[in-house]
Amino acid sequence: MHRFPIRFDAWYRVLSSALLLRPSDCYFDLSDDEVAVRMGWAFNARFPRAAIDGATRFAKAPLSRGVHGFAGRWLVNGAGDRILQLDLEPPQRARVTGFPVRVRQLLVSVDDPDDLATQLRPV
């Protein structure tokens, strides 16, 4: 398994830690057949790698930080740049603050989204 930490802006690292959302508990895990994304207590997803229909760098810079979603599109970020966009087919399940949600698109901030996108190609 290879772990990619979720990227945090310095100011948000302080704020999120105060909210008990420690950066050390925020990561993207990749194995040969599974992906797990966790943002501390706020977001947790585990799904088959085969469900990834596309992985590309997200071109926009979101203003918000944390976990936000609507209509199956979820943003899980600690930074406003270097966002990886995952398109999932079929949509997968995740938990947001313990509540089940469906995810068809997942946006995650990581240090090197292009490298991670390359690693997500079928094995």
PDB file of N, CA and C in Angstrom:
ATOM      1  N   MET A   1       0.844  -1.179   0.000  1.00  0.00           N
ATOM      2  CA  MET A   1       0.000   0.000   0.000  1.00  0.00           C
ATOM      3  C   MET A   1       0.887   1.238   0.000  1.00  0.00           C
ATOM      4  N   HIS A   2       0.474   2.227  -0.782  1.00  0.00           N
ATOM      5  CA  HIS A   2       1.213   3.491  -0.846  1.00  0.00           C
ATOM      6  C   HIS A   2       0.307   4.597  -0.309  1.00  0.00           C
ATOM      7  N   ARG A   3       0.825   5.412   0.606  1.00  0.00           N
ATOM      8  CA  ARG A   3       0.037   6.482   1.219  1.00  0.00           C
ATOM      9  C   ARG A   3       0.470   7.841   0.690  1.00  0.00           C
ATOM     10  N   PHE A   4      -0.536   8.623   0.297  1.00  0.00           N
ATOM     11  CA  PHE A   4      -0.337  10.004  -0.140  1.00  0.00           C
ATOM     12  C   PHE A   4      -1.056  10.894   0.873  1.00  0.00           C
ATOM     13  N   PRO A   5      -0.333  11.731   1.611  1.00  0.00           N
ATOM     14  CA  PRO A   5      -1.010  12.620   2.562  1.00  0.00           C
ATOM     15  C   PRO A   5      -1.883  13.630   1.825  1.00  0.00           C
ATOM     16  N   ILE A   6      -2.995  13.986   2.440  1.00  0.00           N
ATOM     17  CA  ILE A   6      -3.801  15.075   1.901  1.00  0.00           C
ATOM     18  C   ILE A   6      -3.044  16.371   2.160  1.00  0.00           C
ATOM     19  N   ARG A   7      -2.979  17.190   1.133  1.00  0.00           N
ATOM     20  CA  ARG A   7      -2.212  18.448   1.192  1.00  0.00           C
ATOM     21  C   ARG A   7      -2.985  19.491   2.001  1.00  0.00           C
ATOM     22  N   PHE A   8      -2.259  20.197   2.883  1.00  0.00           N
ATOM     23  CA  PHE A   8      -2.836  21.241   3.730  1.00  0.00           C
ATOM     24  C   PHE A   8      -2.087  22.550   3.536  1.00  0.00           C
ATOM     25  N   ASP A   9      -2.834  23.652   3.412  1.00  0.00           N
ATOM     26  CA  ASP A   9      -2.236  24.979   3.517  1.00  0.00           C
ATOM     27  C   ASP A   9      -1.823  25.173   4.977  1.00  0.00           C
ATOM     28  N   ALA A  10      -0.782  25.980   5.214  1.00  0.00           N
ATOM     29  CA  ALA A  10      -0.286  26.171   6.580  1.00  0.00           C
ATOM     30  C   ALA A  10      -1.374  26.703   7.509  1.00  0.00           C
ATOM     31  N   TRP A  11      -2.132  27.698   7.052  1.00  0.00           N
ATOM     32  CA  TRP A  11      -3.168  28.286   7.914  1.00  0.00           C
ATOM     33  C   TRP A  11      -4.282  27.286   8.216  1.00  0.00           C
ATOM     34  N   TYR A  12      -4.614  26.434   7.243  1.00  0.00           N
ATOM     35  CA  TYR A  12      -5.683  25.464   7.479  1.00  0.00           C
ATOM     36  C   TYR A  12      -5.195  24.310   8.351  1.00  0.00           C
ATOM     37  N   ARG A  13      -3.916  24.008   8.292  1.00  0.00           N
ATOM     38  CA  ARG A  13      -3.345  22.973   9.163  1.00  0.00           C
ATOM     39  C   ARG A  13      -3.607  23.343  10.631  1.00  0.00           C
ATOM     40  N   VAL A  14      -3.400  24.616  10.966  1.00  0.00           N
ATOM     41  CA  VAL A  14      -3.635  25.090  12.338  1.00  0.00           C
ATOM     42  C   VAL A  14      -5.119  25.028  12.677  1.00  0.00           C
ATOM     43  N   LEU A  15      -5.962  25.564  11.790  1.00  0.00           N
ATOM     44  CA  LEU A  15      -7.402  25.592  12.032  1.00  0.00           C
ATOM     45  C   LEU A  15      -7.978  24.177  12.143  1.00  0.00           C
ATOM     46  N   SER A  16      -7.615  23.312  11.233  1.00  0.00           N
ATOM     47  CA  SER A  16      -8.175  21.955  11.260  1.00  0.00           C
ATOM     48  C   SER A  16      -7.719  21.198  12.501  1.00  0.00           C
ATOM     49  N   SER A  17      -6.487  21.407  12.924  1.00  0.00           N
ATOM     50  CA  SER A  17      -6.006  20.745  14.144  1.00  0.00           C
ATOM     51  C   SER A  17      -6.816  21.187  15.354  1.00  0.00           C
ATOM     52  N   ALA A  18      -7.202  22.459  15.387  1.00  0.00           N
ATOM     53  CA  ALA A  18      -8.040  22.963  16.478  1.00  0.00           C
ATOM     54  C   ALA A  18      -9.421  22.301  16.471  1.00  0.00           C
ATOM     55  N   LEU A  19      -9.848  21.839  15.282  1.00  0.00           N
ATOM     56  CA  LEU A  19     -11.135  21.150  15.146  1.00  0.00           C
ATOM     57  C   LEU A  19     -10.988  19.640  15.278  1.00  0.00           C
ATOM     58  N   LEU A  20      -9.814  19.197  15.761  1.00  0.00           N
ATOM     59  CA  LEU A  20      -9.494  17.776  15.937  1.00  0.00           C
ATOM     60  C   LEU A  20      -9.477  17.010  14.614  1.00  0.00           C
ATOM     61  N   LEU A  21      -9.147  17.715  13.566  1.00  0.00           N
ATOM     62  CA  LEU A  21      -8.999  17.132  12.235  1.00  0.00           C
ATOM     63  C   LEU A  21      -7.511  17.238  11.883  1.00  0.00           C
ATOM     64  N   ARG A  22      -6.734  16.337  12.491  1.00  0.00           N
ATOM     65  CA  ARG A  22      -5.278  16.401  12.363  1.00  0.00           C
ATOM     66  C   ARG A  22      -4.826  15.964  10.968  1.00  0.00           C
ATOM     67  N   PRO A  23      -3.923  16.703  10.355  1.00  0.00           N
ATOM     68  CA  PRO A  23      -3.409  16.324   9.037  1.00  0.00           C
ATOM     69  C   PRO A  23      -2.838  14.909   8.995  1.00  0.00           C
ATOM     70  N   SER A  24      -2.276  14.435  10.088  1.00  0.00           N
ATOM     71  CA  SER A  24      -1.727  13.069  10.111  1.00  0.00           C
ATOM     72  C   SER A  24      -2.815  12.002   9.960  1.00  0.00           C
ATOM     73  N   ASP A  25      -4.075  12.368  10.162  1.00  0.00           N
ATOM     74  CA  ASP A  25      -5.204  11.450   9.996  1.00  0.00           C
ATOM     75  C   ASP A  25      -5.907  11.644   8.655  1.00  0.00           C
ATOM     76  N   CYS A  26      -5.250  12.334   7.719  1.00  0.00           N
ATOM     77  CA  CYS A  26      -5.862  12.667   6.434  1.00  0.00           C
ATOM     78  C   CYS A  26      -4.962  12.152   5.318  1.00  0.00           C
ATOM     79  N   TYR A  27      -5.482  11.210   4.526  1.00  0.00           N
ATOM     80  CA  TYR A  27      -4.624  10.551   3.545  1.00  0.00           C
ATOM     81  C   TYR A  27      -5.423   9.886   2.428  1.00  0.00           C
ATOM     82  N   PHE A  28      -4.685   9.516   1.399  1.00  0.00           N
ATOM     83  CA  PHE A  28      -5.185   8.770   0.242  1.00  0.00           C
ATOM     84  C   PHE A  28      -4.315   7.518   0.175  1.00  0.00           C
ATOM     85  N   ASP A  29      -4.889   6.352   0.436  1.00  0.00           N
ATOM     86  CA  ASP A  29      -4.152   5.087   0.378  1.00  0.00           C
ATOM     87  C   ASP A  29      -4.465   4.375  -0.922  1.00  0.00           C
ATOM     88  N   LEU A  30      -3.430   3.847  -1.543  1.00  0.00           N
ATOM     89  CA  LEU A  30      -3.575   3.153  -2.815  1.00  0.00           C
ATOM     90  C   LEU A  30      -2.903   1.789  -2.729  1.00  0.00           C
ATOM     91  N   SER A  31      -3.673   0.740  -3.016  1.00  0.00           N
ATOM     92  CA  SER A  31      -3.116  -0.604  -3.125  1.00  0.00           C
ATOM     93  C   SER A  31      -3.397  -1.108  -4.531  1.00  0.00           C
ATOM     94  N   ASP A  32      -3.004  -2.328  -4.819  1.00  0.00           N
ATOM     95  CA  ASP A  32      -3.205  -2.879  -6.160  1.00  0.00           C
ATOM     96  C   ASP A  32      -4.674  -2.940  -6.557  1.00  0.00           C
ATOM     97  N   ASP A  33      -5.565  -3.132  -5.585  1.00  0.00           N
ATOM     98  CA  ASP A  33      -6.972  -3.303  -5.948  1.00  0.00           C
ATOM     99  C   ASP A  33      -7.949  -2.440  -5.158  1.00  0.00           C
ATOM    100  N   GLU A  34      -7.438  -1.534  -4.304  1.00  0.00           N
ATOM    101  CA  GLU A  34      -8.347  -0.748  -3.489  1.00  0.00           C
ATOM    102  C   GLU A  34      -7.802   0.663  -3.248  1.00  0.00           C
ATOM    103  N   VAL A  35      -8.734   1.593  -3.048  1.00  0.00           N
ATOM    104  CA  VAL A  35      -8.421   2.979  -2.700  1.00  0.00           C
ATOM    105  C   VAL A  35      -9.151   3.299  -1.402  1.00  0.00           C
ATOM    106  N   ALA A  36      -8.461   3.989  -0.498  1.00  0.00           N
ATOM    107  CA  ALA A  36      -9.093   4.468   0.732  1.00  0.00           C
ATOM    108  C   ALA A  36      -8.727   5.941   0.885  1.00  0.00           C
ATOM    109  N   VAL A  37      -9.735   6.758   1.147  1.00  0.00           N
ATOM    110  CA  VAL A  37      -9.519   8.194   1.356  1.00  0.00           C
ATOM    111  C   VAL A  37     -10.120   8.537   2.708  1.00  0.00           C
ATOM    112  N   ARG A  38      -9.311   9.199   3.528  1.00  0.00           N
ATOM    113  CA  ARG A  38      -9.781   9.546   4.868  1.00  0.00           C
ATOM    114  C   ARG A  38      -9.380  10.983   5.193  1.00  0.00           C
ATOM    115  N   MET A  39     -10.333  11.711   5.735  1.00  0.00           N
ATOM    116  CA  MET A  39     -10.078  13.064   6.255  1.00  0.00           C
ATOM    117  C   MET A  39     -10.522  13.039   7.714  1.00  0.00           C
ATOM    118  N   GLY A  40      -9.705  12.378   8.530  1.00  0.00           N
ATOM    119  CA  GLY A  40      -9.996  12.262   9.958  1.00  0.00           C
ATOM    120  C   GLY A  40     -11.393  11.738  10.222  1.00  0.00           C
ATOM    121  N   TRP A  41     -12.107  12.411  11.115  1.00  0.00           N
ATOM    122  CA  TRP A  41     -13.466  12.014  11.476  1.00  0.00           C
ATOM    123  C   TRP A  41     -14.505  12.507  10.466  1.00  0.00           C
ATOM    124  N   ALA A  42     -14.098  13.372   9.530  1.00  0.00           N
ATOM    125  CA  ALA A  42     -15.054  14.038   8.651  1.00  0.00           C
ATOM    126  C   ALA A  42     -15.417  13.249   7.397  1.00  0.00           C
ATOM    127  N   PHE A  43     -14.485  12.436   6.875  1.00  0.00           N
ATOM    128  CA  PHE A  43     -14.743  11.737   5.608  1.00  0.00           C
ATOM    129  C   PHE A  43     -13.992  10.419   5.592  1.00  0.00           C
ATOM    130  N   ASN A  44     -14.680   9.386   5.107  1.00  0.00           N
ATOM    131  CA  ASN A  44     -14.070   8.072   4.995  1.00  0.00           C
ATOM    132  C   ASN A  44     -14.678   7.346   3.798  1.00  0.00           C
ATOM    133  N   ALA A  45     -13.823   6.951   2.852  1.00  0.00           N
ATOM    134  CA  ALA A  45     -14.287   6.194   1.680  1.00  0.00           C
ATOM    135  C   ALA A  45     -13.305   5.067   1.407  1.00  0.00           C
ATOM    136  N   ARG A  46     -13.834   3.937   0.994  1.00  0.00           N
ATOM    137  CA  ARG A  46     -13.028   2.788   0.589  1.00  0.00           C
ATOM    138  C   ARG A  46     -13.770   2.149  -0.575  1.00  0.00           C
ATOM    139  N   PHE A  47     -13.068   2.002  -1.707  1.00  0.00           N
ATOM    140  CA  PHE A  47     -13.729   1.449  -2.883  1.00  0.00           C
ATOM    141  C   PHE A  47     -12.713   0.741  -3.766  1.00  0.00           C
ATOM    142  N   PRO A  48     -13.197  -0.124  -4.658  1.00  0.00           N
ATOM    143  CA  PRO A  48     -12.282  -0.832  -5.551  1.00  0.00           C
ATOM    144  C   PRO A  48     -11.605   0.124  -6.523  1.00  0.00           C
ATOM    145  N   ARG A  49     -10.363  -0.124  -6.770  1.00  0.00           N
ATOM    146  CA  ARG A  49      -9.606   0.682  -7.727  1.00  0.00           C
ATOM    147  C   ARG A  49     -10.251   0.638  -9.111  1.00  0.00           C
ATOM    148  N   ALA A  50     -10.889  -0.491  -9.428  1.00  0.00           N
ATOM    149  CA  ALA A  50     -11.546  -0.664 -10.723  1.00  0.00           C
ATOM    150  C   ALA A  50     -12.713   0.304 -10.916  1.00  0.00           C
ATOM    151  N   ALA A  51     -13.218   0.915  -9.843  1.00  0.00           N
ATOM    152  CA  ALA A  51     -14.327   1.870  -9.948  1.00  0.00           C
ATOM    153  C   ALA A  51     -13.870   3.230 -10.465  1.00  0.00           C
ATOM    154  N   ILE A  52     -12.560   3.455 -10.553  1.00  0.00           N
ATOM    155  CA  ILE A  52     -12.048   4.739 -11.036  1.00  0.00           C
ATOM    156  C   ILE A  52     -12.134   4.762 -12.554  1.00  0.00           C
ATOM    157  N   ASP A  53     -12.994   5.642 -13.048  1.00  0.00           N
ATOM    158  CA  ASP A  53     -13.230   5.773 -14.486  1.00  0.00           C
ATOM    159  C   ASP A  53     -12.328   6.833 -15.108  1.00  0.00           C
ATOM    160  N   GLY A  54     -11.739   7.687 -14.291  1.00  0.00           N
ATOM    161  CA  GLY A  54     -10.845   8.719 -14.771  1.00  0.00           C
ATOM    162  C   GLY A  54     -10.168   9.398 -13.595  1.00  0.00           C
ATOM    163  N   ALA A  55      -8.914   9.825 -13.799  1.00  0.00           N
ATOM    164  CA  ALA A  55      -8.156  10.532 -12.770  1.00  0.00           C
ATOM    165  C   ALA A  55      -7.353  11.627 -13.453  1.00  0.00           C
ATOM    166  N   THR A  56      -7.687  12.878 -13.153  1.00  0.00           N
ATOM    167  CA  THR A  56      -7.021  14.019 -13.775  1.00  0.00           C
ATOM    168  C   THR A  56      -6.836  15.139 -12.756  1.00  0.00           C
ATOM    169  N   ARG A  57      -5.963  16.063 -13.085  1.00  0.00           N
ATOM    170  CA  ARG A  57      -5.786  17.243 -12.231  1.00  0.00           C
ATOM    171  C   ARG A  57      -6.996  18.159 -12.422  1.00  0.00           C
ATOM    172  N   PHE A  58      -7.532  18.656 -11.315  1.00  0.00           N
ATOM    173  CA  PHE A  58      -8.659  19.577 -11.333  1.00  0.00           C
ATOM    174  C   PHE A  58      -8.123  20.970 -11.625  1.00  0.00           C
ATOM    175  N   ALA A  59      -8.676  21.636 -12.620  1.00  0.00           N
ATOM    176  CA  ALA A  59      -8.114  22.892 -13.109  1.00  0.00           C
ATOM    177  C   ALA A  59      -8.432  24.102 -12.234  1.00  0.00           C
ATOM    178  N   LYS A  60      -9.504  24.050 -11.473  1.00  0.00           N
ATOM    179  CA  LYS A  60      -9.909  25.205 -10.677  1.00  0.00           C
ATOM    180  C   LYS A  60      -9.287  25.158  -9.284  1.00  0.00           C
ATOM    181  N   ALA A  61      -9.287  26.309  -8.606  1.00  0.00           N
ATOM    182  CA  ALA A  61      -8.785  26.398  -7.235  1.00  0.00           C
ATOM    183  C   ALA A  61      -9.959  26.718  -6.310  1.00  0.00           C
ATOM    184  N   PRO A  62     -10.457  25.728  -5.584  1.00  0.00           N
ATOM    185  CA  PRO A  62     -11.601  25.990  -4.699  1.00  0.00           C
ATOM    186  C   PRO A  62     -11.209  26.921  -3.547  1.00  0.00           C
ATOM    187  N   LEU A  63     -12.165  27.718  -3.126  1.00  0.00           N
ATOM    188  CA  LEU A  63     -11.938  28.631  -2.006  1.00  0.00           C
ATOM    189  C   LEU A  63     -12.084  27.916  -0.670  1.00  0.00           C
ATOM    190  N   SER A  64     -12.911  26.903  -0.614  1.00  0.00           N
ATOM    191  CA  SER A  64     -13.197  26.231   0.648  1.00  0.00           C
ATOM    192  C   SER A  64     -12.156  25.160   0.961  1.00  0.00           C
ATOM    193  N   ARG A  65     -12.095  24.792   2.238  1.00  0.00           N
ATOM    194  CA  ARG A  65     -11.245  23.714   2.721  1.00  0.00           C
ATOM    195  C   ARG A  65     -12.111  22.808   3.585  1.00  0.00           C
ATOM    196  N   GLY A  66     -11.761  21.539   3.650  1.00  0.00           N
ATOM    197  CA  GLY A  66     -12.498  20.599   4.484  1.00  0.00           C
ATOM    198  C   GLY A  66     -13.179  19.548   3.640  1.00  0.00           C
ATOM    199  N   VAL A  67     -14.424  19.244   3.981  1.00  0.00           N
ATOM    200  CA  VAL A  67     -15.216  18.236   3.269  1.00  0.00           C
ATOM    201  C   VAL A  67     -16.535  18.880   2.877  1.00  0.00           C
ATOM    202  N   HIS A  68     -16.774  18.938   1.571  1.00  0.00           N
ATOM    203  CA  HIS A  68     -17.995  19.547   1.047  1.00  0.00           C
ATOM    204  C   HIS A  68     -18.494  18.710  -0.108  1.00  0.00           C
ATOM    205  N   GLY A  69     -19.809  18.600  -0.220  1.00  0.00           N
ATOM    206  CA  GLY A  69     -20.337  17.843  -1.341  1.00  0.00           C
ATOM    207  C   GLY A  69     -21.766  18.178  -1.660  1.00  0.00           C
ATOM    208  N   PHE A  70     -22.122  17.829  -2.897  1.00  0.00           N
ATOM    209  CA  PHE A  70     -23.484  18.018  -3.371  1.00  0.00           C
ATOM    210  C   PHE A  70     -23.680  17.133  -4.588  1.00  0.00           C
ATOM    211  N   ALA A  71     -24.792  16.415  -4.615  1.00  0.00           N
ATOM    212  CA  ALA A  71     -25.207  15.603  -5.764  1.00  0.00           C
ATOM    213  C   ALA A  71     -24.126  14.611  -6.216  1.00  0.00           C
ATOM    214  N   GLY A  72     -23.424  14.019  -5.237  1.00  0.00           N
ATOM    215  CA  GLY A  72     -22.444  12.994  -5.575  1.00  0.00           C
ATOM    216  C   GLY A  72     -21.051  13.500  -5.867  1.00  0.00           C
ATOM    217  N   ARG A  73     -20.852  14.802  -5.844  1.00  0.00           N
ATOM    218  CA  ARG A  73     -19.518  15.376  -6.078  1.00  0.00           C
ATOM    219  C   ARG A  73     -18.978  15.868  -4.737  1.00  0.00           C
ATOM    220  N   TRP A  74     -17.839  15.298  -4.301  1.00  0.00           N
ATOM    221  CA  TRP A  74     -17.290  15.612  -2.986  1.00  0.00           C
ATOM    222  C   TRP A  74     -15.878  16.167  -3.096  1.00  0.00           C
ATOM    223  N   LEU A  75     -15.648  17.257  -2.368  1.00  0.00           N
ATOM    224  CA  LEU A  75     -14.345  17.888  -2.259  1.00  0.00           C
ATOM    225  C   LEU A  75     -13.790  17.575  -0.882  1.00  0.00           C
ATOM    226  N   VAL A  76     -12.602  16.961  -0.847  1.00  0.00           N
ATOM    227  CA  VAL A  76     -11.923  16.605   0.398  1.00  0.00           C
ATOM    228  C   VAL A  76     -10.541  17.238   0.303  1.00  0.00           C
ATOM    229  N   ASN A  77     -10.366  18.389   0.952  1.00  0.00           N
ATOM    230  CA  ASN A  77      -9.114  19.119   0.749  1.00  0.00           C
ATOM    231  C   ASN A  77      -8.688  19.905   1.975  1.00  0.00           C
ATOM    232  N   GLY A  78      -7.389  20.068   2.068  1.00  0.00           N
ATOM    233  CA  GLY A  78      -6.792  20.924   3.075  1.00  0.00           C
ATOM    234  C   GLY A  78      -6.065  22.086   2.423  1.00  0.00           C
ATOM    235  N   ALA A  79      -6.082  22.105   1.086  1.00  0.00           N
ATOM    236  CA  ALA A  79      -5.406  23.160   0.325  1.00  0.00           C
ATOM    237  C   ALA A  79      -6.249  23.526  -0.887  1.00  0.00           C
ATOM    238  N   GLY A  80      -5.989  24.709  -1.424  1.00  0.00           N
ATOM    239  CA  GLY A  80      -6.759  25.185  -2.571  1.00  0.00           C
ATOM    240  C   GLY A  80      -6.108  24.894  -3.909  1.00  0.00           C
ATOM    241  N   ASP A  81      -5.020  24.150  -3.887  1.00  0.00           N
ATOM    242  CA  ASP A  81      -4.351  23.815  -5.148  1.00  0.00           C
ATOM    243  C   ASP A  81      -3.990  22.329  -5.152  1.00  0.00           C
ATOM    244  N   ARG A  82      -3.477  21.886  -6.283  1.00  0.00           N
ATOM    245  CA  ARG A  82      -3.043  20.490  -6.463  1.00  0.00           C
ATOM    246  C   ARG A  82      -4.160  19.502  -6.125  1.00  0.00           C
ATOM    247  N   ILE A  83      -5.265  19.686  -6.803  1.00  0.00           N
ATOM    248  CA  ILE A  83      -6.452  18.856  -6.582  1.00  0.00           C
ATOM    249  C   ILE A  83      -6.506  17.762  -7.647  1.00  0.00           C
ATOM    250  N   LEU A  84      -6.701  16.527  -7.204  1.00  0.00           N
ATOM    251  CA  LEU A  84      -6.900  15.395  -8.104  1.00  0.00           C
ATOM    252  C   LEU A  84      -8.394  15.127  -8.205  1.00  0.00           C
ATOM    253  N   GLN A  85      -8.884  14.974  -9.428  1.00  0.00           N
ATOM    254  CA  GLN A  85     -10.294  14.658  -9.666  1.00  0.00           C
ATOM    255  C   GLN A  85     -10.409  13.191 -10.054  1.00  0.00           C
ATOM    256  N   LEU A  86     -11.207  12.445  -9.286  1.00  0.00           N
ATOM    257  CA  LEU A  86     -11.504  11.048  -9.600  1.00  0.00           C
ATOM    258  C   LEU A  86     -12.955  10.939 -10.032  1.00  0.00           C
ATOM    259  N   ASP A  87     -13.178  10.365 -11.196  1.00  0.00           N
ATOM    260  CA  ASP A  87     -14.529  10.057 -11.654  1.00  0.00           C
ATOM    261  C   ASP A  87     -14.765   8.583 -11.360  1.00  0.00           C
ATOM    262  N   LEU A  88     -15.869   8.292 -10.678  1.00  0.00           N
ATOM    263  CA  LEU A  88     -16.147   6.931 -10.226  1.00  0.00           C
ATOM    264  C   LEU A  88     -17.365   6.363 -10.948  1.00  0.00           C
ATOM    265  N   GLU A  89     -17.215   5.161 -11.456  1.00  0.00           N
ATOM    266  CA  GLU A  89     -18.317   4.478 -12.129  1.00  0.00           C
ATOM    267  C   GLU A  89     -18.242   2.998 -11.808  1.00  0.00           C
ATOM    268  N   PRO A  90     -19.216   2.459 -11.154  1.00  0.00           N
ATOM    269  CA  PRO A  90     -20.421   3.114 -10.653  1.00  0.00           C
ATOM    270  C   PRO A  90     -20.098   3.991  -9.438  1.00  0.00           C
ATOM    271  N   PRO A  91     -21.011   4.881  -9.075  1.00  0.00           N
ATOM    272  CA  PRO A  91     -20.802   5.687  -7.868  1.00  0.00           C
ATOM    273  C   PRO A  91     -20.542   4.787  -6.664  1.00  0.00           C
ATOM    274  N   GLN A  92     -19.721   5.289  -5.753  1.00  0.00           N
ATOM    275  CA  GLN A  92     -19.307   4.509  -4.586  1.00  0.00           C
ATOM    276  C   GLN A  92     -19.861   5.117  -3.306  1.00  0.00           C
ATOM    277  N   ARG A  93     -19.768   4.343  -2.246  1.00  0.00           N
ATOM    278  CA  ARG A  93     -20.237   4.806  -0.938  1.00  0.00           C
ATOM    279  C   ARG A  93     -19.086   5.404  -0.141  1.00  0.00           C
ATOM    280  N   ALA A  94     -19.437   6.382   0.682  1.00  0.00           N
ATOM    281  CA  ALA A  94     -18.492   6.986   1.624  1.00  0.00           C
ATOM    282  C   ALA A  94     -19.294   7.388   2.863  1.00  0.00           C
ATOM    283  N   ARG A  95     -18.587   7.855   3.858  1.00  0.00           N
ATOM    284  CA  ARG A  95     -19.242   8.371   5.059  1.00  0.00           C
ATOM    285  C   ARG A  95     -18.709   9.768   5.340  1.00  0.00           C
ATOM    286  N   VAL A  96     -19.630  10.672   5.581  1.00  0.00           N
ATOM    287  CA  VAL A  96     -19.303  12.047   5.935  1.00  0.00           C
ATOM    288  C   VAL A  96     -19.853  12.270   7.335  1.00  0.00           C
ATOM    289  N   THR A  97     -18.983  12.551   8.270  1.00  0.00           N
ATOM    290  CA  THR A  97     -19.316  12.655   9.698  1.00  0.00           C
ATOM    291  C   THR A  97     -20.204  11.488  10.137  1.00  0.00           C
ATOM    292  N   GLY A  98     -19.926  10.317   9.601  1.00  0.00           N
ATOM    293  CA  GLY A  98     -20.648   9.103   9.971  1.00  0.00           C
ATOM    294  C   GLY A  98     -21.869   8.795   9.130  1.00  0.00           C
ATOM    295  N   PHE A  99     -22.341   9.733   8.339  1.00  0.00           N
ATOM    296  CA  PHE A  99     -23.532   9.521   7.515  1.00  0.00           C
ATOM    297  C   PHE A  99     -23.154   8.998   6.131  1.00  0.00           C
ATOM    298  N   PRO A 100     -23.895   8.000   5.623  1.00  0.00           N
ATOM    299  CA  PRO A 100     -23.568   7.456   4.302  1.00  0.00           C
ATOM    300  C   PRO A 100     -23.924   8.429   3.180  1.00  0.00           C
ATOM    301  N   VAL A 101     -23.037   8.510   2.195  1.00  0.00           N
ATOM    302  CA  VAL A 101     -23.255   9.331   1.002  1.00  0.00           C
ATOM    303  C   VAL A 101     -22.796   8.532  -0.216  1.00  0.00           C
ATOM    304  N   ARG A 102     -23.250   8.952  -1.382  1.00  0.00           N
ATOM    305  CA  ARG A 102     -22.792   8.358  -2.636  1.00  0.00           C
ATOM    306  C   ARG A 102     -21.816   9.325  -3.295  1.00  0.00           C
ATOM    307  N   VAL A 103     -20.771   8.763  -3.888  1.00  0.00           N
ATOM    308  CA  VAL A 103     -19.727   9.579  -4.506  1.00  0.00           C
ATOM    309  C   VAL A 103     -19.575   9.157  -5.963  1.00  0.00           C
ATOM    310  N   ARG A 104     -19.816  10.094  -6.866  1.00  0.00           N
ATOM    311  CA  ARG A 104     -19.586   9.835  -8.294  1.00  0.00           C
ATOM    312  C   ARG A 104     -18.343  10.577  -8.778  1.00  0.00           C
ATOM    313  N   GLN A 105     -17.980  11.643  -8.040  1.00  0.00           N
ATOM    314  CA  GLN A 105     -16.755  12.379  -8.340  1.00  0.00           C
ATOM    315  C   GLN A 105     -16.137  12.804  -7.008  1.00  0.00           C
ATOM    316  N   LEU A 106     -14.826  12.549  -6.897  1.00  0.00           N
ATOM    317  CA  LEU A 106     -14.107  12.863  -5.665  1.00  0.00           C
ATOM    318  C   LEU A 106     -12.923  13.753  -6.014  1.00  0.00           C
ATOM    319  N   LEU A 107     -12.837  14.899  -5.352  1.00  0.00           N
ATOM    320  CA  LEU A 107     -11.743  15.854  -5.535  1.00  0.00           C
ATOM    321  C   LEU A 107     -10.919  15.853  -4.254  1.00  0.00           C
ATOM    322  N   VAL A 108      -9.621  15.585  -4.376  1.00  0.00           N
ATOM    323  CA  VAL A 108      -8.746  15.446  -3.210  1.00  0.00           C
ATOM    324  C   VAL A 108      -7.468  16.249  -3.430  1.00  0.00           C
ATOM    325  N   SER A 109      -7.044  17.010  -2.420  1.00  0.00           N
ATOM    326  CA  SER A 109      -5.777  17.759  -2.526  1.00  0.00           C
ATOM    327  C   SER A 109      -4.622  16.852  -2.097  1.00  0.00           C
ATOM    328  N   VAL A 110      -3.643  16.714  -2.981  1.00  0.00           N
ATOM    329  CA  VAL A 110      -2.434  15.927  -2.705  1.00  0.00           C
ATOM    330  C   VAL A 110      -1.229  16.709  -3.238  1.00  0.00           C
ATOM    331  N   ASP A 111      -0.032  16.378  -2.786  1.00  0.00           N
ATOM    332  CA  ASP A 111       1.163  17.110  -3.214  1.00  0.00           C
ATOM    333  C   ASP A 111       1.432  17.005  -4.707  1.00  0.00           C
ATOM    334  N   ASP A 112       1.231  15.815  -5.284  1.00  0.00           N
ATOM    335  CA  ASP A 112       1.534  15.621  -6.701  1.00  0.00           C
ATOM    336  C   ASP A 112       0.378  14.890  -7.396  1.00  0.00           C
ATOM    337  N   PRO A 113      -0.673  15.629  -7.771  1.00  0.00           N
ATOM    338  CA  PRO A 113      -1.841  14.971  -8.377  1.00  0.00           C
ATOM    339  C   PRO A 113      -1.519  14.291  -9.704  1.00  0.00           C
ATOM    340  N   ASP A 114      -0.561  14.811 -10.460  1.00  0.00           N
ATOM    341  CA  ASP A 114      -0.216  14.188 -11.734  1.00  0.00           C
ATOM    342  C   ASP A 114       0.429  12.819 -11.524  1.00  0.00           C
ATOM    343  N   ASP A 115       1.318  12.715 -10.538  1.00  0.00           N
ATOM    344  CA  ASP A 115       1.945  11.436 -10.217  1.00  0.00           C
ATOM    345  C   ASP A 115       0.897  10.435  -9.738  1.00  0.00           C
ATOM    346  N   LEU A 116       0.009  10.873  -8.866  1.00  0.00           N
ATOM    347  CA  LEU A 116      -1.027   9.974  -8.358  1.00  0.00           C
ATOM    348  C   LEU A 116      -1.950   9.534  -9.482  1.00  0.00           C
ATOM    349  N   ALA A 117      -2.304  10.435 -10.374  1.00  0.00           N
ATOM    350  CA  ALA A 117      -3.151  10.067 -11.528  1.00  0.00           C
ATOM    351  C   ALA A 117      -2.469   8.995 -12.363  1.00  0.00           C
ATOM    352  N   THR A 118      -1.161   9.135 -12.557  1.00  0.00           N
ATOM    353  CA  THR A 118      -0.402   8.129 -13.311  1.00  0.00           C
ATOM    354  C   THR A 118      -0.427   6.779 -12.597  1.00  0.00           C
ATOM    355  N   GLN A 119      -0.267   6.807 -11.292  1.00  0.00           N
ATOM    356  CA  GLN A 119      -0.262   5.566 -10.501  1.00  0.00           C
ATOM    357  C   GLN A 119      -1.638   4.910 -10.459  1.00  0.00           C
ATOM    358  N   LEU A 120      -2.683   5.673 -10.730  1.00  0.00           N
ATOM    359  CA  LEU A 120      -4.038   5.120 -10.704  1.00  0.00           C
ATOM    360  C   LEU A 120      -4.415   4.430 -11.996  1.00  0.00           C
ATOM    361  N   ARG A 121      -3.572   4.483 -12.995  1.00  0.00           N
ATOM    362  CA  ARG A 121      -3.857   3.750 -14.223  1.00  0.00           C
ATOM    363  C   ARG A 121      -3.959   2.266 -13.900  1.00  0.00           C
ATOM    364  N   PRO A 122      -4.749   1.524 -14.646  1.00  0.00           N
ATOM    365  CA  PRO A 122      -4.932   0.093 -14.347  1.00  0.00           C
ATOM    366  C   PRO A 122      -3.607  -0.656 -14.227  1.00  0.00           C
ATOM    367  N   VAL A 123      -3.572  -1.560 -13.235  1.00  0.00           N
ATOM    368  CA  VAL A 123      -2.370  -2.391 -13.013  1.00  0.00           C
ATOM    369  C   VAL A 123      -2.457  -3.693 -13.774  1.00  0.00           C
TER     370      VAL A 123
END
